């Protein structure tokens, strides 16, 4: 599947250690997990999957991520890379405690 933007980029799998083990990360926490160069000032937007996918074109992606999390919440994070590029992470939590992971997919978007 591809994320449709000025450059149609593929969704690629992601799996990030989530030692907090509960809930989903806030803006600064997700920026640290994806190794943003300045997590405290990163431009991060957190979206509900339904708001992100208003037309239902990514339903299969959201369903697959939901299944991976065995019913845990799914969140979409938009993390700006520069003025015209951003990465979208569609993730959920898998497991609990110190061995928990954030799993899902990400895609690069070019937005002019």
N, C-alpha and C. Protein backbone atom coordinates (compact mmCIF):
# COMPACT_ATOMS: atom_id res chain seq x y z
N UNK A 1 0.85 -1.19 0.00
CA UNK A 1 0.00 0.00 0.00
C UNK A 1 0.89 1.24 0.00
N UNK A 2 0.37 2.30 -0.59
CA UNK A 2 1.11 3.55 -0.70
C UNK A 2 0.34 4.68 -0.04
N UNK A 3 1.08 5.64 0.54
CA UNK A 3 0.45 6.85 1.07
C UNK A 3 0.45 7.86 -0.06
N UNK A 4 -0.72 8.38 -0.40
CA UNK A 4 -0.86 9.29 -1.53
C UNK A 4 -0.53 10.72 -1.10
N UNK A 5 0.52 11.27 -1.72
CA UNK A 5 0.91 12.66 -1.52
C UNK A 5 1.60 13.10 -2.80
N UNK A 6 2.39 14.17 -2.75
CA UNK A 6 3.11 14.59 -3.96
C UNK A 6 4.10 13.53 -4.42
N UNK A 7 4.51 12.66 -3.53
CA UNK A 7 5.36 11.51 -3.87
C UNK A 7 4.71 10.30 -3.21
N UNK A 8 4.15 9.42 -4.01
CA UNK A 8 3.45 8.26 -3.44
C UNK A 8 4.45 7.26 -2.89
N UNK A 9 4.61 7.27 -1.58
CA UNK A 9 5.60 6.43 -0.92
C UNK A 9 4.93 5.22 -0.28
N UNK A 10 5.65 4.08 -0.25
CA UNK A 10 5.06 2.87 0.34
C UNK A 10 5.03 2.95 1.87
N UNK A 11 4.06 2.26 2.45
CA UNK A 11 4.06 2.06 3.90
C UNK A 11 5.08 0.97 4.20
N UNK A 12 5.90 1.18 5.23
CA UNK A 12 6.88 0.18 5.62
C UNK A 12 6.65 -0.17 7.09
N UNK A 13 6.93 -1.42 7.47
CA UNK A 13 6.69 -1.84 8.86
C UNK A 13 7.61 -1.12 9.85
N UNK A 14 7.09 -0.87 11.04
CA UNK A 14 7.90 -0.32 12.13
C UNK A 14 7.64 -1.12 13.40
N UNK A 15 8.68 -1.23 14.21
CA UNK A 15 8.59 -1.88 15.51
C UNK A 15 9.56 -1.16 16.43
N UNK A 16 9.03 -0.46 17.41
CA UNK A 16 9.84 0.36 18.31
C UNK A 16 9.66 -0.12 19.75
N UNK A 17 10.77 -0.22 20.48
CA UNK A 17 10.68 -0.60 21.90
C UNK A 17 9.90 0.47 22.65
N UNK A 18 8.95 0.06 23.48
CA UNK A 18 8.13 1.00 24.25
C UNK A 18 8.17 0.56 25.71
N UNK A 19 9.30 0.85 26.36
CA UNK A 19 9.55 0.40 27.72
C UNK A 19 8.57 0.91 28.75
N UNK A 20 7.86 1.99 28.44
CA UNK A 20 6.84 2.51 29.36
C UNK A 20 5.75 1.45 29.56
N UNK A 21 5.50 0.68 28.51
CA UNK A 21 4.66 -0.50 28.63
C UNK A 21 3.17 -0.30 28.75
N UNK A 22 2.72 0.95 28.70
CA UNK A 22 1.28 1.18 28.77
C UNK A 22 0.92 2.39 27.92
N UNK A 23 -0.32 2.44 27.48
CA UNK A 23 -0.76 3.57 26.68
C UNK A 23 0.06 3.75 25.41
N UNK A 24 -0.02 4.93 24.85
CA UNK A 24 0.73 5.29 23.65
C UNK A 24 1.49 6.57 23.93
N UNK A 25 2.58 6.80 23.20
CA UNK A 25 3.44 7.96 23.50
C UNK A 25 2.78 9.31 23.21
N UNK A 26 3.26 10.32 23.94
CA UNK A 26 2.86 11.70 23.64
C UNK A 26 3.78 12.23 22.54
N UNK A 27 3.66 13.50 22.22
CA UNK A 27 4.42 14.08 21.11
C UNK A 27 5.93 13.94 21.30
N UNK A 28 6.43 14.31 22.48
CA UNK A 28 7.88 14.26 22.69
C UNK A 28 8.38 12.82 22.77
N UNK A 29 7.59 11.94 23.38
CA UNK A 29 8.01 10.53 23.49
C UNK A 29 8.13 9.87 22.12
N UNK A 30 7.18 10.10 21.22
CA UNK A 30 7.27 9.49 19.89
C UNK A 30 8.45 10.08 19.13
N UNK A 31 8.70 11.38 19.29
CA UNK A 31 9.84 12.01 18.62
C UNK A 31 11.16 11.37 19.07
N UNK A 32 11.28 11.07 20.37
CA UNK A 32 12.48 10.39 20.87
C UNK A 32 12.59 8.99 20.28
N UNK A 33 11.47 8.27 20.24
CA UNK A 33 11.49 6.89 19.74
C UNK A 33 11.93 6.80 18.28
N UNK A 34 11.57 7.79 17.48
CA UNK A 34 11.96 7.76 16.06
C UNK A 34 13.26 8.53 15.83
N UNK A 35 13.94 8.87 16.93
CA UNK A 35 15.25 9.52 16.89
C UNK A 35 15.22 10.86 16.16
N UNK A 36 14.20 11.65 16.45
CA UNK A 36 14.14 13.02 15.92
C UNK A 36 15.32 13.79 16.50
N UNK A 37 15.90 14.68 15.71
CA UNK A 37 17.11 15.40 16.14
C UNK A 37 16.84 16.36 17.30
N UNK A 38 15.59 16.77 17.53
CA UNK A 38 15.28 17.67 18.64
C UNK A 38 13.87 17.35 19.16
N UNK A 39 13.72 16.25 19.92
CA UNK A 39 12.39 15.79 20.33
C UNK A 39 11.54 16.84 21.06
N UNK A 40 12.17 17.68 21.86
CA UNK A 40 11.40 18.66 22.65
C UNK A 40 10.71 19.69 21.76
N UNK A 41 11.26 19.97 20.59
CA UNK A 41 10.64 20.98 19.72
C UNK A 41 10.16 20.39 18.40
N UNK A 42 10.07 19.08 18.33
CA UNK A 42 9.60 18.43 17.09
C UNK A 42 8.15 18.83 16.80
N UNK A 43 7.85 18.98 15.51
CA UNK A 43 6.47 19.24 15.10
C UNK A 43 5.76 17.91 14.96
N UNK A 44 4.98 17.56 15.98
CA UNK A 44 4.28 16.28 16.01
C UNK A 44 2.79 16.53 16.16
N UNK A 45 2.01 15.88 15.32
CA UNK A 45 0.55 15.96 15.42
C UNK A 45 0.03 14.55 15.68
N UNK A 46 -0.82 14.41 16.70
CA UNK A 46 -1.41 13.11 17.02
C UNK A 46 -2.85 13.12 16.52
N UNK A 47 -3.20 12.08 15.74
CA UNK A 47 -4.53 12.01 15.15
C UNK A 47 -5.19 10.67 15.45
N UNK A 48 -6.50 10.71 15.50
CA UNK A 48 -7.27 9.48 15.54
C UNK A 48 -7.29 8.92 14.12
N UNK A 49 -7.18 7.61 13.94
CA UNK A 49 -7.17 7.04 12.59
C UNK A 49 -8.37 7.46 11.73
N UNK A 50 -9.54 7.60 12.35
CA UNK A 50 -10.74 7.98 11.59
C UNK A 50 -10.60 9.40 11.04
N UNK A 51 -10.00 10.30 11.80
CA UNK A 51 -9.79 11.67 11.34
C UNK A 51 -8.72 11.73 10.26
N UNK A 52 -7.69 10.90 10.39
CA UNK A 52 -6.60 10.87 9.41
C UNK A 52 -7.07 10.28 8.09
N UNK A 53 -7.93 9.28 8.15
CA UNK A 53 -8.39 8.56 6.96
C UNK A 53 -9.88 8.82 6.72
N UNK A 54 -10.22 10.08 6.47
CA UNK A 54 -11.62 10.47 6.31
C UNK A 54 -12.32 9.74 5.15
N UNK A 55 -11.58 9.39 4.10
CA UNK A 55 -12.18 8.75 2.92
C UNK A 55 -12.13 7.23 2.96
N UNK A 56 -11.53 6.67 3.99
CA UNK A 56 -11.47 5.21 4.12
C UNK A 56 -10.51 4.52 3.19
N UNK A 57 -9.58 5.27 2.60
CA UNK A 57 -8.66 4.63 1.64
C UNK A 57 -7.55 3.82 2.32
N UNK A 58 -7.36 4.01 3.62
CA UNK A 58 -6.32 3.26 4.34
C UNK A 58 -6.92 2.30 5.37
N UNK A 59 -8.18 1.92 5.17
CA UNK A 59 -8.88 1.04 6.10
C UNK A 59 -8.11 -0.26 6.33
N UNK A 60 -7.58 -0.86 5.25
CA UNK A 60 -6.83 -2.12 5.38
C UNK A 60 -5.60 -1.95 6.26
N UNK A 61 -4.92 -0.81 6.11
CA UNK A 61 -3.73 -0.51 6.93
C UNK A 61 -4.15 -0.42 8.40
N UNK A 62 -5.18 0.37 8.68
CA UNK A 62 -5.63 0.57 10.05
C UNK A 62 -6.10 -0.75 10.65
N UNK A 63 -6.83 -1.54 9.87
CA UNK A 63 -7.31 -2.84 10.36
C UNK A 63 -6.15 -3.77 10.71
N UNK A 64 -5.12 -3.78 9.87
CA UNK A 64 -3.96 -4.66 10.11
C UNK A 64 -3.22 -4.23 11.38
N UNK A 65 -3.07 -2.92 11.58
CA UNK A 65 -2.39 -2.42 12.78
C UNK A 65 -3.24 -2.73 14.01
N UNK A 66 -4.54 -2.56 13.91
CA UNK A 66 -5.45 -2.88 15.02
C UNK A 66 -5.32 -4.35 15.40
N UNK A 67 -5.28 -5.21 14.40
CA UNK A 67 -5.15 -6.65 14.63
C UNK A 67 -3.83 -6.97 15.33
N UNK A 68 -2.75 -6.31 14.90
CA UNK A 68 -1.43 -6.53 15.51
C UNK A 68 -1.43 -6.16 16.99
N UNK A 69 -2.22 -5.16 17.35
CA UNK A 69 -2.29 -4.72 18.74
C UNK A 69 -3.35 -5.43 19.55
N UNK A 70 -3.99 -6.40 18.95
CA UNK A 70 -5.02 -7.20 19.64
C UNK A 70 -6.05 -6.31 20.34
N UNK A 71 -6.48 -5.26 19.62
CA UNK A 71 -7.55 -4.40 20.14
C UNK A 71 -7.08 -3.17 20.89
N UNK A 72 -5.77 -3.02 21.11
CA UNK A 72 -5.28 -1.79 21.74
C UNK A 72 -5.54 -0.60 20.82
N UNK A 73 -5.54 0.59 21.39
CA UNK A 73 -5.76 1.81 20.60
C UNK A 73 -4.74 1.93 19.48
N UNK A 74 -5.18 2.52 18.37
CA UNK A 74 -4.29 2.83 17.25
C UNK A 74 -4.23 4.35 17.16
N UNK A 75 -3.03 4.88 16.95
CA UNK A 75 -2.85 6.31 16.79
C UNK A 75 -2.05 6.58 15.52
N UNK A 76 -2.30 7.76 14.96
CA UNK A 76 -1.52 8.23 13.82
C UNK A 76 -0.71 9.43 14.30
N UNK A 77 0.58 9.38 14.05
CA UNK A 77 1.48 10.48 14.39
C UNK A 77 2.03 11.06 13.10
N UNK A 78 1.90 12.38 12.94
CA UNK A 78 2.51 13.07 11.81
C UNK A 78 3.71 13.83 12.37
N UNK A 79 4.90 13.46 11.90
CA UNK A 79 6.13 14.08 12.39
C UNK A 79 6.80 14.80 11.23
N UNK A 80 6.87 16.14 11.34
CA UNK A 80 7.47 16.94 10.27
C UNK A 80 8.97 16.68 10.21
N UNK A 81 9.47 16.51 8.97
CA UNK A 81 10.91 16.36 8.76
C UNK A 81 11.51 17.69 8.32
N UNK A 82 10.81 18.41 7.47
CA UNK A 82 11.19 19.74 7.04
C UNK A 82 9.92 20.42 6.52
N UNK A 83 10.06 21.53 5.77
CA UNK A 83 8.88 22.30 5.37
C UNK A 83 7.91 21.53 4.47
N UNK A 84 8.40 20.59 3.69
CA UNK A 84 7.51 19.90 2.74
C UNK A 84 7.41 18.40 2.96
N UNK A 85 8.16 17.86 3.91
CA UNK A 85 8.13 16.41 4.11
C UNK A 85 7.75 16.07 5.55
N UNK A 86 6.97 15.01 5.68
CA UNK A 86 6.57 14.53 7.00
C UNK A 86 6.47 13.01 6.94
N UNK A 87 6.65 12.38 8.09
CA UNK A 87 6.43 10.94 8.19
C UNK A 87 5.15 10.72 8.97
N UNK A 88 4.34 9.79 8.47
CA UNK A 88 3.13 9.37 9.17
C UNK A 88 3.39 7.99 9.76
N UNK A 89 3.18 7.86 11.06
CA UNK A 89 3.31 6.58 11.75
C UNK A 89 1.91 6.15 12.19
N UNK A 90 1.50 4.95 11.80
CA UNK A 90 0.22 4.38 12.22
C UNK A 90 0.60 3.22 13.13
N UNK A 91 0.45 3.40 14.44
CA UNK A 91 0.98 2.40 15.38
C UNK A 91 -0.01 2.07 16.49
N UNK A 92 0.27 0.93 17.12
CA UNK A 92 -0.46 0.46 18.29
C UNK A 92 0.56 -0.15 19.25
N UNK A 93 0.12 -0.46 20.46
CA UNK A 93 1.01 -1.12 21.42
C UNK A 93 0.79 -2.62 21.36
N UNK A 94 1.90 -3.34 21.36
CA UNK A 94 1.85 -4.80 21.38
C UNK A 94 2.53 -5.24 22.67
N UNK A 95 1.80 -5.93 23.53
CA UNK A 95 2.37 -6.38 24.79
C UNK A 95 2.27 -5.31 25.87
N UNK A 96 2.75 -5.67 27.05
CA UNK A 96 2.70 -4.78 28.21
C UNK A 96 4.05 -4.80 28.92
N UNK A 97 4.26 -3.82 29.77
CA UNK A 97 5.47 -3.79 30.58
C UNK A 97 6.71 -3.49 29.76
N UNK A 98 7.86 -3.87 30.30
CA UNK A 98 9.15 -3.53 29.71
C UNK A 98 9.35 -4.11 28.31
N UNK A 99 8.66 -5.20 27.98
CA UNK A 99 8.85 -5.82 26.66
C UNK A 99 7.86 -5.30 25.62
N UNK A 100 7.04 -4.31 25.99
CA UNK A 100 6.05 -3.77 25.05
C UNK A 100 6.74 -3.11 23.86
N UNK A 101 6.05 -3.15 22.72
CA UNK A 101 6.57 -2.52 21.51
C UNK A 101 5.46 -1.71 20.86
N UNK A 102 5.85 -0.68 20.12
CA UNK A 102 4.92 0.01 19.24
C UNK A 102 5.11 -0.62 17.87
N UNK A 103 4.05 -1.13 17.30
CA UNK A 103 4.15 -1.78 15.99
C UNK A 103 3.14 -1.15 15.04
N UNK A 104 3.48 -1.19 13.76
CA UNK A 104 2.59 -0.64 12.75
C UNK A 104 3.36 -0.35 11.49
N UNK A 105 3.01 0.77 10.86
CA UNK A 105 3.65 1.16 9.60
C UNK A 105 3.95 2.65 9.61
N UNK A 106 4.85 3.04 8.70
CA UNK A 106 5.11 4.46 8.49
C UNK A 106 5.22 4.72 7.00
N UNK A 107 4.99 5.97 6.63
CA UNK A 107 5.16 6.37 5.23
C UNK A 107 5.63 7.82 5.21
N UNK A 108 6.44 8.11 4.21
CA UNK A 108 6.92 9.48 3.99
C UNK A 108 5.91 10.19 3.10
N UNK A 109 5.58 11.42 3.45
CA UNK A 109 4.68 12.23 2.62
C UNK A 109 5.42 13.48 2.18
N UNK A 110 5.23 13.85 0.93
CA UNK A 110 5.73 15.12 0.42
C UNK A 110 4.51 15.99 0.20
N UNK A 111 4.42 17.08 0.95
CA UNK A 111 3.23 17.93 0.95
C UNK A 111 3.62 19.34 0.56
N UNK A 112 3.18 19.75 -0.63
CA UNK A 112 3.55 21.09 -1.09
C UNK A 112 2.41 22.08 -0.90
